[in-house]
N, C-alpha and C. Protein backbone atom coordinates (compact mmCIF):
# COMPACT_ATOMS: atom_id res chain seq x y z
N UNK A 1 66.59 131.72 111.54
CA UNK A 1 66.45 130.93 110.33
C UNK A 1 65.19 131.40 109.60
N UNK A 2 65.26 131.72 108.34
CA UNK A 2 64.07 132.17 107.60
C UNK A 2 63.23 130.99 107.08
N UNK A 3 61.94 131.26 106.96
CA UNK A 3 60.98 130.27 106.47
C UNK A 3 60.08 130.92 105.44
N UNK A 4 59.61 130.10 104.47
CA UNK A 4 58.75 130.62 103.41
C UNK A 4 57.51 129.73 103.28
N UNK A 5 56.34 130.36 103.24
CA UNK A 5 55.09 129.65 103.02
C UNK A 5 55.10 129.07 101.60
N UNK A 6 54.81 127.81 101.48
CA UNK A 6 54.86 127.16 100.18
C UNK A 6 53.59 127.35 99.36
N UNK A 7 52.60 128.03 99.92
CA UNK A 7 51.38 128.27 99.16
C UNK A 7 51.24 129.71 98.69
N UNK A 8 51.87 130.65 99.40
CA UNK A 8 51.68 132.05 99.00
C UNK A 8 52.96 132.89 99.05
N UNK A 9 54.09 132.26 99.35
CA UNK A 9 55.39 132.93 99.33
C UNK A 9 55.64 133.88 100.50
N UNK A 10 54.76 133.94 101.51
CA UNK A 10 54.99 134.74 102.70
C UNK A 10 56.29 134.27 103.36
N UNK A 11 57.11 135.20 103.84
CA UNK A 11 58.37 134.86 104.50
C UNK A 11 58.40 135.43 105.91
N UNK A 12 59.04 134.69 106.81
CA UNK A 12 59.19 135.13 108.19
C UNK A 12 60.46 134.52 108.77
N UNK A 13 60.86 135.01 109.92
CA UNK A 13 62.11 134.54 110.52
C UNK A 13 61.95 133.36 111.47
N UNK A 14 60.70 132.97 111.76
CA UNK A 14 60.51 131.87 112.71
C UNK A 14 59.45 130.88 112.22
N UNK A 15 59.62 129.63 112.63
CA UNK A 15 58.63 128.60 112.29
C UNK A 15 57.29 128.92 112.96
N UNK A 16 57.32 129.41 114.18
CA UNK A 16 56.07 129.78 114.87
C UNK A 16 55.36 130.91 114.12
N UNK A 17 56.11 131.88 113.64
CA UNK A 17 55.52 132.96 112.87
C UNK A 17 54.85 132.46 111.60
N UNK A 18 55.46 131.47 110.96
CA UNK A 18 54.85 130.90 109.76
C UNK A 18 53.62 130.09 110.11
N UNK A 19 53.66 129.37 111.22
CA UNK A 19 52.47 128.63 111.67
C UNK A 19 51.31 129.59 111.93
N UNK A 20 51.59 130.69 112.59
CA UNK A 20 50.55 131.68 112.86
C UNK A 20 50.01 132.27 111.55
N UNK A 21 50.88 132.48 110.58
CA UNK A 21 50.45 132.96 109.27
C UNK A 21 49.50 131.96 108.62
N UNK A 22 49.90 130.69 108.59
CA UNK A 22 49.11 129.65 107.93
C UNK A 22 47.73 129.53 108.58
N UNK A 23 47.68 129.57 109.89
CA UNK A 23 46.40 129.43 110.60
C UNK A 23 45.57 130.70 110.50
N UNK A 24 46.19 131.85 110.49
CA UNK A 24 45.45 133.10 110.50
C UNK A 24 45.30 133.79 109.16
N UNK A 25 45.80 133.16 108.10
CA UNK A 25 45.77 133.80 106.78
C UNK A 25 44.34 134.05 106.32
N UNK A 26 44.12 135.22 105.76
CA UNK A 26 42.80 135.53 105.20
C UNK A 26 42.79 135.38 103.68
N UNK A 27 43.97 135.33 103.08
CA UNK A 27 44.04 135.07 101.64
C UNK A 27 44.59 133.66 101.42
N UNK A 28 44.19 133.04 100.36
CA UNK A 28 44.64 131.68 100.01
C UNK A 28 44.28 130.67 101.10
N UNK A 29 43.19 130.89 101.80
CA UNK A 29 42.82 130.03 102.93
C UNK A 29 42.73 128.57 102.50
N UNK A 30 42.03 128.30 101.41
CA UNK A 30 41.87 126.91 100.99
C UNK A 30 43.20 126.25 100.64
N UNK A 31 44.12 127.00 100.04
CA UNK A 31 45.43 126.44 99.72
C UNK A 31 46.22 126.14 100.99
N UNK A 32 46.10 127.00 101.99
CA UNK A 32 46.78 126.73 103.26
C UNK A 32 46.20 125.48 103.92
N UNK A 33 44.89 125.38 103.94
CA UNK A 33 44.24 124.19 104.53
C UNK A 33 44.67 122.94 103.79
N UNK A 34 44.64 122.98 102.46
CA UNK A 34 45.03 121.81 101.66
C UNK A 34 46.47 121.41 101.94
N UNK A 35 47.36 122.39 102.05
CA UNK A 35 48.77 122.07 102.30
C UNK A 35 48.94 121.39 103.65
N UNK A 36 48.31 121.94 104.69
CA UNK A 36 48.41 121.35 106.03
C UNK A 36 47.87 119.92 106.01
N UNK A 37 46.69 119.74 105.44
CA UNK A 37 46.04 118.42 105.47
C UNK A 37 46.72 117.42 104.54
N UNK A 38 47.41 117.89 103.50
CA UNK A 38 48.13 116.97 102.61
C UNK A 38 49.33 116.34 103.32
N UNK A 39 49.69 116.89 104.46
CA UNK A 39 50.79 116.35 105.25
C UNK A 39 50.29 115.58 106.48
N UNK A 40 49.01 115.22 106.47
CA UNK A 40 48.45 114.37 107.51
C UNK A 40 48.03 115.08 108.79
N UNK A 41 47.99 116.41 108.76
CA UNK A 41 47.55 117.15 109.94
C UNK A 41 46.11 117.63 109.74
N UNK A 42 45.43 117.86 110.85
CA UNK A 42 44.06 118.35 110.81
C UNK A 42 44.04 119.85 111.06
N UNK A 43 43.74 120.61 110.03
CA UNK A 43 43.68 122.07 110.15
C UNK A 43 42.67 122.49 111.22
N UNK A 44 41.43 121.96 111.19
CA UNK A 44 40.45 122.37 112.22
C UNK A 44 40.92 122.03 113.65
N UNK A 45 41.57 120.91 113.81
CA UNK A 45 42.05 120.53 115.15
C UNK A 45 43.13 121.49 115.63
N UNK A 46 44.04 121.89 114.74
CA UNK A 46 45.07 122.85 115.12
C UNK A 46 44.44 124.18 115.52
N UNK A 47 43.46 124.62 114.75
CA UNK A 47 42.79 125.89 115.04
C UNK A 47 42.06 125.82 116.39
N UNK A 48 41.32 124.74 116.60
CA UNK A 48 40.55 124.59 117.85
C UNK A 48 41.45 124.53 119.08
N UNK A 49 42.54 123.80 118.97
CA UNK A 49 43.40 123.57 120.14
C UNK A 49 44.45 124.66 120.34
N UNK A 50 44.71 125.44 119.29
CA UNK A 50 45.80 126.43 119.31
C UNK A 50 47.14 125.78 119.63
N UNK A 51 47.26 124.48 119.37
CA UNK A 51 48.51 123.75 119.58
C UNK A 51 49.19 123.61 118.22
N UNK A 52 50.23 124.40 118.02
CA UNK A 52 50.90 124.45 116.73
C UNK A 52 52.11 123.52 116.65
N UNK A 53 52.32 122.70 117.66
CA UNK A 53 53.52 121.87 117.73
C UNK A 53 53.79 121.05 116.49
N UNK A 54 52.82 120.26 116.04
CA UNK A 54 53.02 119.41 114.87
C UNK A 54 53.18 120.26 113.60
N UNK A 55 52.46 121.35 113.52
CA UNK A 55 52.58 122.24 112.37
C UNK A 55 53.97 122.89 112.34
N UNK A 56 54.47 123.29 113.48
CA UNK A 56 55.81 123.87 113.55
C UNK A 56 56.86 122.84 113.14
N UNK A 57 56.69 121.60 113.58
CA UNK A 57 57.62 120.54 113.17
C UNK A 57 57.62 120.38 111.66
N UNK A 58 56.43 120.39 111.04
CA UNK A 58 56.32 120.27 109.59
C UNK A 58 56.99 121.46 108.90
N UNK A 59 56.73 122.64 109.40
CA UNK A 59 57.32 123.86 108.82
C UNK A 59 58.84 123.81 108.90
N UNK A 60 59.37 123.38 110.03
CA UNK A 60 60.83 123.29 110.16
C UNK A 60 61.42 122.31 109.17
N UNK A 61 60.68 121.29 108.85
CA UNK A 61 61.16 120.27 107.90
C UNK A 61 61.00 120.72 106.45
N UNK A 62 59.87 121.34 106.11
CA UNK A 62 59.51 121.60 104.72
C UNK A 62 59.73 123.03 104.23
N UNK A 63 59.75 124.00 105.11
CA UNK A 63 59.66 125.41 104.69
C UNK A 63 60.90 126.25 104.98
N UNK A 64 61.92 125.64 105.48
CA UNK A 64 63.14 126.38 105.79
C UNK A 64 63.80 126.86 104.50
N UNK A 65 64.20 128.10 104.49
CA UNK A 65 64.91 128.65 103.34
C UNK A 65 66.40 128.39 103.57
N UNK A 66 66.98 127.60 102.71
CA UNK A 66 68.41 127.31 102.78
C UNK A 66 69.17 128.34 101.97
N UNK A 67 70.27 128.79 102.49
CA UNK A 67 71.08 129.77 101.77
C UNK A 67 72.19 129.11 101.01
């Protein structure tokens, strides 16, 4: 299933891949942080814990590309 970053249009085939993009992005960092936190998640906590579970759940809900 393909997924698209809603802040910079990056596309990938997995929710985990998109989570890794959002956390590791070097461009549009502030937009990625704002997007994550606007959905009630803590960007610093995700980075510190390396636990992407809640972020992956959000990505699966919000970022799936429907054909």
